[in-house]
Amino acid sequence: MLDMKRNRERMVKQQLETRGITDPAVLVAMRSVPRHLFVQEALRAQAYEDHPLPIGHGQTISQPFIVALMSQIIEPQPGLRVLEIGTGSGYQAAVLAEMGLDVYTVERIRELHAAARDLLRTLKYRKVRLKLDDGTLGWPEAAPYDRILVTAGGPEVPLPLIEQLADPGILVIPVGTSKRMQELVVVRKQGGRVVRESKGGVAFVDLVGTHGWRG
């Protein structure tokens, strides 16, 4: 466990701080959440390295820098309601919860949903609520959300997510017309206006659903 703590510290210093992650809450969360528990046991030695890892069912856990970058972009503050699309292993949800956000997270793959639910409960992340559903539809029953974070890439920003975003609010999502090649888009809603900004190229797994790619 001491080695894993040292690995987290090294990850933060070498991969995050040197590449523009400056939000204190994000850095503290990345130092605190045991990323190695969110990957397959055979891959735990690689948990803090600078690349994504497979988690089964054709899905991945994003590289640490991307998790930190998306967390910083949404300008996290304790008490904000955040909707995450694509629970995956549950790691991004844990990072958000570690910063004091109220997290609602949706996953379409039953096995990943169940594993993430059990792990997050074990780690006592009580501010994380999970749902098994088509993430491109959002979670309308609990809307609106101060922040929305999408951890899979689709051909466009799903309209239901824009509709469920509070005003003011921030949404971050990978968008691209080619699968696995996207740009990271930040959508800001302010005073009834919706403004988009690109943060550069990224590569995410596919956002599958009614308002995404076909499964």
N, C-alpha and C. Protein backbone atom coordinates (compact mmCIF):
# COMPACT_ATOMS: atom_id res chain seq x y z
N MET A 1 0.82 -1.21 0.00
CA MET A 1 0.00 0.00 0.00
C MET A 1 0.86 1.26 0.00
N LEU A 2 2.00 1.20 0.71
CA LEU A 2 2.91 2.35 0.71
C LEU A 2 3.45 2.59 -0.69
N ASP A 3 3.77 1.50 -1.40
CA ASP A 3 4.26 1.64 -2.76
C ASP A 3 3.20 2.30 -3.65
N MET A 4 1.94 1.92 -3.48
CA MET A 4 0.87 2.50 -4.28
C MET A 4 0.71 3.99 -3.97
N LYS A 5 0.87 4.35 -2.71
CA LYS A 5 0.79 5.76 -2.34
C LYS A 5 1.93 6.55 -2.99
N ARG A 6 3.11 5.98 -3.01
CA ARG A 6 4.25 6.61 -3.67
C ARG A 6 4.01 6.73 -5.17
N ASN A 7 3.41 5.69 -5.74
CA ASN A 7 3.09 5.73 -7.17
C ASN A 7 2.09 6.83 -7.49
N ARG A 8 1.12 7.04 -6.62
CA ARG A 8 0.14 8.12 -6.83
C ARG A 8 0.83 9.48 -6.75
N GLU A 9 1.72 9.63 -5.80
CA GLU A 9 2.45 10.89 -5.67
C GLU A 9 3.31 11.15 -6.90
N ARG A 10 3.96 10.13 -7.39
CA ARG A 10 4.78 10.25 -8.59
C ARG A 10 3.90 10.59 -9.80
N MET A 11 2.74 9.95 -9.89
CA MET A 11 1.80 10.23 -10.97
C MET A 11 1.39 11.70 -10.98
N VAL A 12 1.06 12.22 -9.81
CA VAL A 12 0.63 13.62 -9.72
C VAL A 12 1.76 14.56 -10.11
N LYS A 13 2.93 14.31 -9.61
CA LYS A 13 4.06 15.22 -9.88
C LYS A 13 4.51 15.16 -11.34
N GLN A 14 4.62 13.95 -11.89
CA GLN A 14 5.20 13.80 -13.22
C GLN A 14 4.19 13.92 -14.36
N GLN A 15 2.97 13.48 -14.12
CA GLN A 15 1.99 13.46 -15.20
C GLN A 15 0.99 14.62 -15.17
N LEU A 16 0.73 15.15 -13.98
CA LEU A 16 -0.33 16.15 -13.85
C LEU A 16 0.21 17.56 -13.66
N GLU A 17 1.01 17.74 -12.63
CA GLU A 17 1.50 19.09 -12.33
C GLU A 17 2.36 19.65 -13.46
N THR A 18 3.10 18.79 -14.13
CA THR A 18 3.96 19.27 -15.21
C THR A 18 3.19 19.58 -16.49
N ARG A 19 1.91 19.19 -16.54
CA ARG A 19 1.11 19.37 -17.77
C ARG A 19 -0.09 20.28 -17.55
N GLY A 20 -0.02 21.11 -16.53
CA GLY A 20 -1.01 22.16 -16.39
C GLY A 20 -2.19 21.88 -15.49
N ILE A 21 -2.15 20.80 -14.72
CA ILE A 21 -3.21 20.56 -13.74
C ILE A 21 -2.84 21.32 -12.47
N THR A 22 -3.60 22.35 -12.18
CA THR A 22 -3.26 23.24 -11.07
C THR A 22 -4.35 23.31 -10.00
N ASP A 23 -5.55 22.83 -10.28
CA ASP A 23 -6.65 22.92 -9.31
C ASP A 23 -6.29 22.11 -8.07
N PRO A 24 -6.19 22.75 -6.90
CA PRO A 24 -5.78 22.03 -5.69
C PRO A 24 -6.68 20.85 -5.36
N ALA A 25 -7.99 21.01 -5.55
CA ALA A 25 -8.92 19.93 -5.21
C ALA A 25 -8.70 18.72 -6.12
N VAL A 26 -8.44 18.96 -7.39
CA VAL A 26 -8.18 17.87 -8.32
C VAL A 26 -6.90 17.13 -7.94
N LEU A 27 -5.86 17.87 -7.61
CA LEU A 27 -4.59 17.24 -7.25
C LEU A 27 -4.72 16.42 -5.97
N VAL A 28 -5.45 16.94 -5.00
CA VAL A 28 -5.66 16.20 -3.76
C VAL A 28 -6.44 14.91 -4.03
N ALA A 29 -7.49 15.01 -4.84
CA ALA A 29 -8.30 13.83 -5.16
C ALA A 29 -7.49 12.78 -5.90
N MET A 30 -6.66 13.22 -6.85
CA MET A 30 -5.86 12.26 -7.61
C MET A 30 -4.80 11.60 -6.73
N ARG A 31 -4.37 12.31 -5.70
CA ARG A 31 -3.43 11.71 -4.74
C ARG A 31 -4.14 10.73 -3.80
N SER A 32 -5.45 10.90 -3.63
CA SER A 32 -6.17 10.16 -2.60
C SER A 32 -6.87 8.91 -3.10
N VAL A 33 -7.45 8.95 -4.28
CA VAL A 33 -8.26 7.82 -4.76
C VAL A 33 -7.34 6.67 -5.19
N PRO A 34 -7.55 5.47 -4.67
CA PRO A 34 -6.69 4.33 -5.00
C PRO A 34 -6.99 3.77 -6.39
N ARG A 35 -6.42 4.37 -7.41
CA ARG A 35 -6.69 4.01 -8.79
C ARG A 35 -6.46 2.51 -9.06
N HIS A 36 -5.49 1.92 -8.38
CA HIS A 36 -5.17 0.52 -8.64
C HIS A 36 -6.33 -0.42 -8.32
N LEU A 37 -7.27 0.01 -7.46
CA LEU A 37 -8.42 -0.82 -7.14
C LEU A 37 -9.48 -0.80 -8.24
N PHE A 38 -9.36 0.15 -9.16
CA PHE A 38 -10.35 0.31 -10.22
C PHE A 38 -9.92 -0.36 -11.53
N VAL A 39 -8.81 -1.10 -11.50
CA VAL A 39 -8.36 -1.83 -12.69
C VAL A 39 -8.29 -3.32 -12.35
N GLN A 40 -8.21 -4.13 -13.38
CA GLN A 40 -8.11 -5.57 -13.17
C GLN A 40 -6.83 -5.90 -12.39
N GLU A 41 -6.93 -6.91 -11.53
CA GLU A 41 -5.81 -7.23 -10.64
C GLU A 41 -4.51 -7.47 -11.40
N ALA A 42 -4.60 -8.09 -12.57
CA ALA A 42 -3.40 -8.39 -13.35
C ALA A 42 -2.73 -7.14 -13.89
N LEU A 43 -3.46 -6.00 -13.90
CA LEU A 43 -2.94 -4.76 -14.46
C LEU A 43 -2.60 -3.72 -13.39
N ARG A 44 -2.71 -4.10 -12.13
CA ARG A 44 -2.53 -3.11 -11.06
C ARG A 44 -1.15 -2.48 -11.04
N ALA A 45 -0.14 -3.21 -11.49
CA ALA A 45 1.21 -2.64 -11.52
C ALA A 45 1.30 -1.47 -12.50
N GLN A 46 0.35 -1.41 -13.44
CA GLN A 46 0.35 -0.33 -14.43
C GLN A 46 -0.65 0.79 -14.10
N ALA A 47 -1.31 0.69 -12.97
CA ALA A 47 -2.43 1.57 -12.66
C ALA A 47 -2.07 3.05 -12.69
N TYR A 48 -0.83 3.40 -12.33
CA TYR A 48 -0.44 4.81 -12.22
C TYR A 48 0.44 5.26 -13.38
N GLU A 49 0.47 4.45 -14.44
CA GLU A 49 1.25 4.83 -15.62
C GLU A 49 0.42 5.74 -16.52
N ASP A 50 1.10 6.39 -17.47
CA ASP A 50 0.50 7.46 -18.27
C ASP A 50 -0.20 6.93 -19.52
N HIS A 51 -1.17 6.03 -19.32
CA HIS A 51 -1.94 5.52 -20.45
C HIS A 51 -3.23 4.89 -19.93
N PRO A 52 -4.24 4.75 -20.81
CA PRO A 52 -5.47 4.07 -20.40
C PRO A 52 -5.23 2.58 -20.24
N LEU A 53 -6.16 1.90 -19.57
CA LEU A 53 -6.07 0.46 -19.37
C LEU A 53 -7.43 -0.18 -19.66
N PRO A 54 -7.44 -1.39 -20.20
CA PRO A 54 -8.73 -2.06 -20.45
C PRO A 54 -9.39 -2.49 -19.14
N ILE A 55 -10.72 -2.39 -19.12
CA ILE A 55 -11.48 -2.83 -17.94
C ILE A 55 -12.51 -3.89 -18.32
N GLY A 56 -12.41 -4.38 -19.55
CA GLY A 56 -13.34 -5.40 -20.02
C GLY A 56 -14.47 -4.81 -20.84
N HIS A 57 -15.13 -5.68 -21.63
CA HIS A 57 -16.30 -5.29 -22.42
C HIS A 57 -15.98 -4.18 -23.43
N GLY A 58 -14.72 -4.14 -23.86
CA GLY A 58 -14.33 -3.14 -24.86
C GLY A 58 -14.18 -1.73 -24.31
N GLN A 59 -14.15 -1.59 -22.99
CA GLN A 59 -14.07 -0.28 -22.35
C GLN A 59 -12.70 -0.09 -21.69
N THR A 60 -12.39 1.16 -21.34
CA THR A 60 -11.12 1.47 -20.70
C THR A 60 -11.30 2.42 -19.53
N ILE A 61 -10.31 2.44 -18.67
CA ILE A 61 -10.18 3.51 -17.68
C ILE A 61 -9.21 4.51 -18.29
N SER A 62 -9.63 5.78 -18.34
CA SER A 62 -8.82 6.81 -19.01
C SER A 62 -7.49 7.00 -18.31
N GLN A 63 -6.51 7.49 -19.06
CA GLN A 63 -5.21 7.79 -18.46
C GLN A 63 -5.39 8.85 -17.38
N PRO A 64 -4.55 8.85 -16.35
CA PRO A 64 -4.71 9.79 -15.24
C PRO A 64 -4.81 11.25 -15.67
N PHE A 65 -4.01 11.66 -16.64
CA PHE A 65 -4.04 13.07 -17.06
C PHE A 65 -5.40 13.47 -17.60
N ILE A 66 -6.04 12.61 -18.38
CA ILE A 66 -7.35 12.94 -18.95
C ILE A 66 -8.40 13.04 -17.85
N VAL A 67 -8.35 12.14 -16.88
CA VAL A 67 -9.28 12.21 -15.74
C VAL A 67 -9.10 13.54 -15.01
N ALA A 68 -7.86 13.90 -14.74
CA ALA A 68 -7.58 15.16 -14.04
C ALA A 68 -7.98 16.37 -14.88
N LEU A 69 -7.69 16.33 -16.18
CA LEU A 69 -8.02 17.45 -17.06
C LEU A 69 -9.53 17.69 -17.10
N MET A 70 -10.30 16.65 -17.30
CA MET A 70 -11.75 16.81 -17.37
C MET A 70 -12.31 17.27 -16.02
N SER A 71 -11.71 16.77 -14.94
CA SER A 71 -12.14 17.20 -13.61
C SER A 71 -11.84 18.68 -13.39
N GLN A 72 -10.71 19.14 -13.89
CA GLN A 72 -10.35 20.56 -13.74
C GLN A 72 -11.22 21.45 -14.61
N ILE A 73 -11.52 21.01 -15.83
CA ILE A 73 -12.32 21.81 -16.75
C ILE A 73 -13.69 22.14 -16.18
N ILE A 74 -14.29 21.22 -15.45
CA ILE A 74 -15.64 21.49 -14.94
C ILE A 74 -15.65 22.38 -13.70
N GLU A 75 -14.47 22.88 -13.30
CA GLU A 75 -14.37 23.82 -12.17
C GLU A 75 -15.11 23.28 -10.94
N PRO A 76 -14.60 22.18 -10.39
CA PRO A 76 -15.31 21.50 -9.29
C PRO A 76 -15.39 22.33 -8.02
N GLN A 77 -16.54 22.23 -7.37
CA GLN A 77 -16.75 22.85 -6.07
C GLN A 77 -17.62 21.92 -5.24
N PRO A 78 -17.35 21.79 -3.94
CA PRO A 78 -18.17 20.92 -3.10
C PRO A 78 -19.65 21.30 -3.18
N GLY A 79 -20.49 20.27 -3.27
CA GLY A 79 -21.93 20.48 -3.29
C GLY A 79 -22.54 20.59 -4.67
N LEU A 80 -21.73 20.77 -5.71
CA LEU A 80 -22.28 20.83 -7.05
C LEU A 80 -22.83 19.46 -7.45
N ARG A 81 -23.89 19.47 -8.24
CA ARG A 81 -24.46 18.23 -8.76
C ARG A 81 -23.84 17.96 -10.13
N VAL A 82 -23.23 16.78 -10.27
CA VAL A 82 -22.56 16.45 -11.53
C VAL A 82 -23.11 15.14 -12.07
N LEU A 83 -23.41 15.13 -13.35
CA LEU A 83 -23.84 13.92 -14.05
C LEU A 83 -22.67 13.38 -14.85
N GLU A 84 -22.32 12.13 -14.61
CA GLU A 84 -21.27 11.48 -15.40
C GLU A 84 -21.90 10.45 -16.32
N ILE A 85 -21.55 10.50 -17.60
CA ILE A 85 -22.03 9.52 -18.56
C ILE A 85 -20.88 8.57 -18.87
N GLY A 86 -21.06 7.30 -18.53
CA GLY A 86 -20.02 6.30 -18.72
C GLY A 86 -19.30 5.99 -17.41
N THR A 87 -19.95 5.28 -16.52
CA THR A 87 -19.36 4.97 -15.21
C THR A 87 -18.06 4.19 -15.35
N GLY A 88 -18.07 3.22 -16.28
CA GLY A 88 -16.88 2.38 -16.44
C GLY A 88 -16.51 1.68 -15.15
N SER A 89 -15.28 1.82 -14.74
CA SER A 89 -14.80 1.19 -13.51
C SER A 89 -15.25 1.94 -12.26
N GLY A 90 -15.70 3.19 -12.43
CA GLY A 90 -16.10 4.01 -11.29
C GLY A 90 -15.03 4.99 -10.82
N TYR A 91 -13.86 4.98 -11.48
CA TYR A 91 -12.75 5.82 -11.01
C TYR A 91 -13.04 7.30 -11.14
N GLN A 92 -13.54 7.75 -12.28
CA GLN A 92 -13.84 9.17 -12.43
C GLN A 92 -14.90 9.61 -11.43
N ALA A 93 -15.89 8.78 -11.19
CA ALA A 93 -16.92 9.10 -10.21
C ALA A 93 -16.32 9.25 -8.82
N ALA A 94 -15.36 8.37 -8.49
CA ALA A 94 -14.70 8.44 -7.18
C ALA A 94 -13.91 9.73 -7.04
N VAL A 95 -13.22 10.14 -8.10
CA VAL A 95 -12.45 11.39 -8.07
C VAL A 95 -13.39 12.58 -7.84
N LEU A 96 -14.52 12.59 -8.53
CA LEU A 96 -15.49 13.68 -8.35
C LEU A 96 -16.05 13.68 -6.93
N ALA A 97 -16.39 12.50 -6.43
CA ALA A 97 -16.92 12.41 -5.08
C ALA A 97 -15.89 12.81 -4.04
N GLU A 98 -14.64 12.48 -4.29
CA GLU A 98 -13.55 12.84 -3.37
C GLU A 98 -13.46 14.36 -3.22
N MET A 99 -13.85 15.09 -4.25
CA MET A 99 -13.82 16.55 -4.21
C MET A 99 -15.09 17.15 -3.62
N GLY A 100 -16.01 16.30 -3.19
CA GLY A 100 -17.21 16.80 -2.52
C GLY A 100 -18.39 17.07 -3.43
N LEU A 101 -18.32 16.61 -4.68
CA LEU A 101 -19.45 16.79 -5.58
C LEU A 101 -20.48 15.70 -5.36
N ASP A 102 -21.74 16.02 -5.63
CA ASP A 102 -22.81 15.02 -5.60
C ASP A 102 -22.89 14.40 -6.99
N VAL A 103 -22.57 13.12 -7.08
CA VAL A 103 -22.35 12.47 -8.37
C VAL A 103 -23.52 11.56 -8.75
N TYR A 104 -24.00 11.74 -9.97
CA TYR A 104 -24.97 10.84 -10.60
C TYR A 104 -24.27 10.26 -11.82
N THR A 105 -24.17 8.94 -11.90
CA THR A 105 -23.39 8.34 -12.98
C THR A 105 -24.18 7.23 -13.66
N VAL A 106 -24.13 7.21 -15.00
CA VAL A 106 -24.92 6.28 -15.80
C VAL A 106 -23.99 5.39 -16.62
N GLU A 107 -24.26 4.10 -16.61
CA GLU A 107 -23.49 3.12 -17.37
C GLU A 107 -24.45 2.20 -18.12
N ARG A 108 -24.14 1.86 -19.37
CA ARG A 108 -25.03 1.03 -20.17
C ARG A 108 -24.70 -0.46 -20.08
N ILE A 109 -23.48 -0.81 -19.62
CA ILE A 109 -23.05 -2.21 -19.57
C ILE A 109 -23.28 -2.75 -18.16
N ARG A 110 -24.16 -3.74 -18.07
CA ARG A 110 -24.61 -4.23 -16.76
C ARG A 110 -23.46 -4.68 -15.86
N GLU A 111 -22.51 -5.43 -16.42
CA GLU A 111 -21.42 -5.96 -15.60
C GLU A 111 -20.54 -4.85 -15.03
N LEU A 112 -20.26 -3.83 -15.82
CA LEU A 112 -19.46 -2.71 -15.33
C LEU A 112 -20.23 -1.92 -14.29
N HIS A 113 -21.50 -1.70 -14.54
CA HIS A 113 -22.35 -0.99 -13.58
C HIS A 113 -22.33 -1.70 -12.22
N ALA A 114 -22.51 -3.01 -12.22
CA ALA A 114 -22.56 -3.77 -10.96
C ALA A 114 -21.22 -3.75 -10.24
N ALA A 115 -20.12 -3.91 -11.00
CA ALA A 115 -18.79 -3.92 -10.37
C ALA A 115 -18.45 -2.55 -9.78
N ALA A 116 -18.77 -1.49 -10.52
CA ALA A 116 -18.49 -0.14 -10.02
C ALA A 116 -19.33 0.16 -8.79
N ARG A 117 -20.60 -0.23 -8.82
CA ARG A 117 -21.48 -0.01 -7.67
C ARG A 117 -20.92 -0.67 -6.41
N ASP A 118 -20.49 -1.92 -6.55
CA ASP A 118 -19.98 -2.66 -5.39
C ASP A 118 -18.69 -2.04 -4.87
N LEU A 119 -17.79 -1.66 -5.77
CA LEU A 119 -16.51 -1.09 -5.35
C LEU A 119 -16.70 0.27 -4.69
N LEU A 120 -17.54 1.12 -5.26
CA LEU A 120 -17.76 2.44 -4.69
C LEU A 120 -18.42 2.33 -3.31
N ARG A 121 -19.28 1.35 -3.14
CA ARG A 121 -19.88 1.13 -1.82
C ARG A 121 -18.82 0.67 -0.83
N THR A 122 -17.97 -0.24 -1.27
CA THR A 122 -16.90 -0.75 -0.40
C THR A 122 -15.98 0.39 0.05
N LEU A 123 -15.69 1.31 -0.87
CA LEU A 123 -14.81 2.44 -0.55
C LEU A 123 -15.54 3.59 0.12
N LYS A 124 -16.86 3.41 0.34
CA LYS A 124 -17.69 4.36 1.08
C LYS A 124 -17.83 5.71 0.38
N TYR A 125 -17.95 5.67 -0.93
CA TYR A 125 -18.28 6.89 -1.68
C TYR A 125 -19.80 7.01 -1.72
N ARG A 126 -20.34 7.54 -0.64
CA ARG A 126 -21.79 7.55 -0.46
C ARG A 126 -22.50 8.62 -1.30
N LYS A 127 -21.75 9.59 -1.83
CA LYS A 127 -22.37 10.63 -2.63
C LYS A 127 -22.46 10.27 -4.11
N VAL A 128 -22.21 9.01 -4.43
CA VAL A 128 -22.30 8.55 -5.82
C VAL A 128 -23.58 7.72 -5.98
N ARG A 129 -24.43 8.16 -6.90
CA ARG A 129 -25.64 7.41 -7.24
C ARG A 129 -25.46 6.83 -8.64
N LEU A 130 -25.78 5.57 -8.81
CA LEU A 130 -25.53 4.88 -10.07
C LEU A 130 -26.82 4.43 -10.73
N LYS A 131 -26.80 4.42 -12.07
CA LYS A 131 -27.96 4.00 -12.85
C LYS A 131 -27.50 3.20 -14.06
N LEU A 132 -28.20 2.12 -14.37
CA LEU A 132 -27.95 1.32 -15.56
C LEU A 132 -28.92 1.77 -16.65
N ASP A 133 -28.39 2.42 -17.70
CA ASP A 133 -29.28 2.99 -18.72
C ASP A 133 -28.47 3.48 -19.91
N ASP A 134 -29.17 3.99 -20.90
CA ASP A 134 -28.56 4.66 -22.05
C ASP A 134 -28.11 6.04 -21.61
N GLY A 135 -26.80 6.23 -21.51
CA GLY A 135 -26.27 7.49 -21.00
C GLY A 135 -26.56 8.68 -21.88
N THR A 136 -26.78 8.47 -23.17
CA THR A 136 -27.03 9.62 -24.05
C THR A 136 -28.38 10.27 -23.75
N LEU A 137 -29.21 9.60 -22.96
CA LEU A 137 -30.48 10.18 -22.54
C LEU A 137 -30.34 10.94 -21.23
N GLY A 138 -29.17 10.87 -20.62
CA GLY A 138 -28.95 11.54 -19.35
C GLY A 138 -29.65 10.82 -18.21
N TRP A 139 -30.01 11.61 -17.20
CA TRP A 139 -30.76 11.10 -16.04
C TRP A 139 -31.79 12.18 -15.72
N PRO A 140 -32.87 12.26 -16.53
CA PRO A 140 -33.78 13.40 -16.43
C PRO A 140 -34.48 13.54 -15.09
N GLU A 141 -34.69 12.42 -14.39
CA GLU A 141 -35.42 12.50 -13.12
C GLU A 141 -34.69 13.32 -12.08
N ALA A 142 -33.36 13.40 -12.18
CA ALA A 142 -32.56 14.12 -11.18
C ALA A 142 -32.04 15.46 -11.68
N ALA A 143 -32.38 15.82 -12.93
CA ALA A 143 -31.90 17.08 -13.51
C ALA A 143 -32.56 18.28 -12.83
N PRO A 144 -31.95 19.48 -12.92
CA PRO A 144 -30.76 19.80 -13.72
C PRO A 144 -29.45 19.55 -12.95
N TYR A 145 -28.35 19.57 -13.71
CA TYR A 145 -27.02 19.33 -13.16
C TYR A 145 -26.14 20.55 -13.38
N ASP A 146 -25.38 20.89 -12.37
CA ASP A 146 -24.44 22.01 -12.50
C ASP A 146 -23.31 21.68 -13.47
N ARG A 147 -22.96 20.41 -13.52
CA ARG A 147 -21.88 19.96 -14.38
C ARG A 147 -22.27 18.62 -15.00
N ILE A 148 -21.84 18.40 -16.24
CA ILE A 148 -22.01 17.10 -16.90
C ILE A 148 -20.67 16.72 -17.53
N LEU A 149 -20.27 15.50 -17.30
CA LEU A 149 -18.97 15.01 -17.78
C LEU A 149 -19.21 13.69 -18.51
N VAL A 150 -18.80 13.63 -19.77
CA VAL A 150 -19.03 12.44 -20.60
C VAL A 150 -17.69 11.78 -20.89
N THR A 151 -17.58 10.49 -20.55
CA THR A 151 -16.29 9.81 -20.67
C THR A 151 -16.27 8.83 -21.85
N ALA A 152 -17.02 9.15 -22.91
CA ALA A 152 -16.99 8.39 -24.15
C ALA A 152 -17.27 9.36 -25.29
N GLY A 153 -16.78 9.04 -26.48
CA GLY A 153 -16.86 9.98 -27.60
C GLY A 153 -18.00 9.67 -28.55
N GLY A 154 -18.80 10.69 -28.86
CA GLY A 154 -19.91 10.52 -29.79
C GLY A 154 -19.80 11.46 -30.98
N PRO A 155 -20.70 11.32 -31.95
CA PRO A 155 -20.66 12.17 -33.15
C PRO A 155 -21.14 13.58 -32.91
N GLU A 156 -21.84 13.81 -31.80
CA GLU A 156 -22.37 15.13 -31.48
C GLU A 156 -22.65 15.21 -29.98
N VAL A 157 -22.94 16.40 -29.52
CA VAL A 157 -23.33 16.56 -28.12
C VAL A 157 -24.79 16.16 -27.99
N PRO A 158 -25.13 15.15 -27.21
CA PRO A 158 -26.53 14.73 -27.10
C PRO A 158 -27.42 15.86 -26.58
N LEU A 159 -28.50 16.12 -27.31
CA LEU A 159 -29.41 17.20 -26.94
C LEU A 159 -29.97 17.03 -25.52
N PRO A 160 -30.33 15.80 -25.09
CA PRO A 160 -30.84 15.66 -23.72
C PRO A 160 -29.87 16.15 -22.65
N LEU A 161 -28.57 16.01 -22.92
CA LEU A 161 -27.59 16.46 -21.93
C LEU A 161 -27.55 17.99 -21.86
N ILE A 162 -27.64 18.65 -23.00
CA ILE A 162 -27.69 20.12 -23.01
C ILE A 162 -28.95 20.59 -22.27
N GLU A 163 -30.05 19.89 -22.50
CA GLU A 163 -31.31 20.27 -21.85
C GLU A 163 -31.25 20.05 -20.34
N GLN A 164 -30.49 19.05 -19.89
CA GLN A 164 -30.40 18.75 -18.46
C GLN A 164 -29.31 19.55 -17.74
N LEU A 165 -28.55 20.33 -18.49
CA LEU A 165 -27.50 21.15 -17.91
C LEU A 165 -28.11 22.41 -17.31
N ALA A 166 -27.75 22.72 -16.07
CA ALA A 166 -28.26 23.92 -15.40
C ALA A 166 -27.71 25.18 -16.08
N ASP A 167 -28.31 26.30 -15.78
CA ASP A 167 -27.86 27.60 -16.27
C ASP A 167 -27.60 28.48 -15.05
N PRO A 168 -26.33 28.78 -14.74
CA PRO A 168 -25.12 28.45 -15.50
C PRO A 168 -24.68 27.00 -15.26
N GLY A 169 -23.96 26.46 -16.26
CA GLY A 169 -23.47 25.10 -16.13
C GLY A 169 -22.38 24.82 -17.15
N ILE A 170 -21.63 23.75 -16.89
CA ILE A 170 -20.52 23.34 -17.77
C ILE A 170 -20.66 21.87 -18.12
N LEU A 171 -20.50 21.56 -19.39
CA LEU A 171 -20.53 20.18 -19.89
C LEU A 171 -19.24 19.94 -20.66
N VAL A 172 -18.61 18.80 -20.43
CA VAL A 172 -17.40 18.45 -21.18
C VAL A 172 -17.58 17.08 -21.80
N ILE A 173 -17.27 16.96 -23.11
CA ILE A 173 -17.54 15.73 -23.84
C ILE A 173 -16.59 15.60 -25.03
N PRO A 174 -16.10 14.39 -25.32
CA PRO A 174 -15.34 14.18 -26.55
C PRO A 174 -16.32 14.06 -27.73
N VAL A 175 -16.08 14.78 -28.81
CA VAL A 175 -16.96 14.77 -29.98
C VAL A 175 -16.13 14.60 -31.23
N GLY A 176 -16.57 13.70 -32.13
CA GLY A 176 -15.86 13.51 -33.39
C GLY A 176 -16.67 12.70 -34.37
N THR A 177 -16.50 12.96 -35.65
CA THR A 177 -17.24 12.23 -36.67
C THR A 177 -16.61 10.88 -36.98
N SER A 178 -15.39 10.65 -36.50
CA SER A 178 -14.73 9.35 -36.64
C SER A 178 -14.60 8.71 -35.27
N LYS A 179 -14.90 7.43 -35.18
CA LYS A 179 -14.79 6.74 -33.90
C LYS A 179 -13.34 6.73 -33.42
N ARG A 180 -13.17 6.89 -32.12
CA ARG A 180 -11.86 6.87 -31.44
C ARG A 180 -10.98 8.06 -31.79
N MET A 181 -11.51 9.04 -32.50
CA MET A 181 -10.77 10.27 -32.78
C MET A 181 -11.73 11.44 -32.57
N GLN A 182 -11.50 12.19 -31.48
CA GLN A 182 -12.42 13.27 -31.15
C GLN A 182 -11.66 14.52 -30.73
N GLU A 183 -12.40 15.59 -30.53
CA GLU A 183 -11.88 16.76 -29.84
C GLU A 183 -12.66 16.91 -28.54
N LEU A 184 -11.97 17.37 -27.53
CA LEU A 184 -12.61 17.55 -26.24
C LEU A 184 -13.35 18.89 -26.26
N VAL A 185 -14.67 18.83 -26.20
CA VAL A 185 -15.51 20.01 -26.33
C VAL A 185 -16.05 20.41 -24.96
N VAL A 186 -15.95 21.69 -24.67
CA VAL A 186 -16.52 22.25 -23.44
C VAL A 186 -17.73 23.09 -23.83
N VAL A 187 -18.87 22.77 -23.26
CA VAL A 187 -20.12 23.50 -23.52
C VAL A 187 -20.47 24.28 -22.25
N ARG A 188 -20.62 25.58 -22.41
CA ARG A 188 -21.01 26.42 -21.27
C ARG A 188 -22.38 27.03 -21.54
N LYS A 189 -23.27 26.88 -20.56
CA LYS A 189 -24.59 27.48 -20.65
C LYS A 189 -24.63 28.65 -19.67
N GLN A 190 -24.95 29.82 -20.18
CA GLN A 190 -24.94 31.03 -19.35
C GLN A 190 -25.98 32.01 -19.90
N GLY A 191 -26.93 32.37 -19.06
CA GLY A 191 -27.93 33.35 -19.46
C GLY A 191 -28.73 32.94 -20.68
N GLY A 192 -28.99 31.64 -20.80
CA GLY A 192 -29.76 31.14 -21.92
C GLY A 192 -28.95 30.89 -23.17
N ARG A 193 -27.68 31.27 -23.19
CA ARG A 193 -26.80 31.07 -24.33
C ARG A 193 -25.96 29.81 -24.12
N VAL A 194 -25.67 29.11 -25.22
CA VAL A 194 -24.82 27.92 -25.18
C VAL A 194 -23.59 28.19 -26.05
N VAL A 195 -22.42 28.14 -25.43
CA VAL A 195 -21.17 28.43 -26.12
C VAL A 195 -20.27 27.20 -26.06
N ARG A 196 -19.63 26.87 -27.19
CA ARG A 196 -18.75 25.70 -27.25
C ARG A 196 -17.30 26.13 -27.46
N GLU A 197 -16.41 25.35 -26.89
CA GLU A 197 -14.97 25.59 -27.02
C GLU A 197 -14.26 24.25 -27.12
N SER A 198 -13.25 24.16 -27.99
CA SER A 198 -12.47 22.93 -28.13
C SER A 198 -11.20 23.00 -27.30
N LYS A 199 -10.88 21.88 -26.65
CA LYS A 199 -9.67 21.78 -25.84
C LYS A 199 -8.63 20.85 -26.47
N GLY A 200 -8.83 20.52 -27.75
CA GLY A 200 -7.83 19.72 -28.44
C GLY A 200 -8.24 18.28 -28.64
N GLY A 201 -7.38 17.53 -29.33
CA GLY A 201 -7.69 16.17 -29.72
C GLY A 201 -7.56 15.16 -28.60
N VAL A 202 -8.46 14.19 -28.59
CA VAL A 202 -8.46 13.11 -27.61
C VAL A 202 -8.91 11.83 -28.31
N ALA A 203 -8.79 10.70 -27.63
CA ALA A 203 -9.26 9.42 -28.16
C ALA A 203 -9.96 8.65 -27.05
N PHE A 204 -11.28 8.53 -27.16
CA PHE A 204 -12.10 7.83 -26.17
C PHE A 204 -12.81 6.66 -26.83
N VAL A 205 -13.29 5.74 -26.00
CA VAL A 205 -14.15 4.68 -26.50
C VAL A 205 -15.46 5.31 -26.98
N ASP A 206 -16.26 4.52 -27.70
CA ASP A 206 -17.45 5.06 -28.34
C ASP A 206 -18.59 5.32 -27.35
N LEU A 207 -19.26 6.44 -27.56
CA LEU A 207 -20.49 6.75 -26.83
C LEU A 207 -21.65 6.10 -27.58
N VAL A 208 -22.15 5.02 -27.04
CA VAL A 208 -23.19 4.23 -27.70
C VAL A 208 -24.55 4.56 -27.09
N GLY A 209 -25.54 4.79 -27.96
CA GLY A 209 -26.87 5.05 -27.46
C GLY A 209 -27.73 5.79 -28.47
N THR A 210 -28.91 6.18 -28.04
CA THR A 210 -29.87 6.84 -28.91
C THR A 210 -29.30 8.08 -29.55
N HIS A 211 -28.52 8.86 -28.81
CA HIS A 211 -27.93 10.10 -29.30
C HIS A 211 -26.42 9.97 -29.50
N GLY A 212 -25.95 8.74 -29.70
CA GLY A 212 -24.53 8.49 -29.93
C GLY A 212 -24.37 7.54 -31.10
N TRP A 213 -23.33 6.72 -31.04
CA TRP A 213 -23.12 5.70 -32.06
C TRP A 213 -24.03 4.51 -31.81
N ARG A 214 -24.36 3.80 -32.87
CA ARG A 214 -25.15 2.59 -32.71
C ARG A 214 -24.29 1.48 -32.12
N GLY A 215 -24.87 0.67 -31.26
CA GLY A 215 -24.11 -0.40 -30.61
C GLY A 215 -23.76 -1.53 -31.58
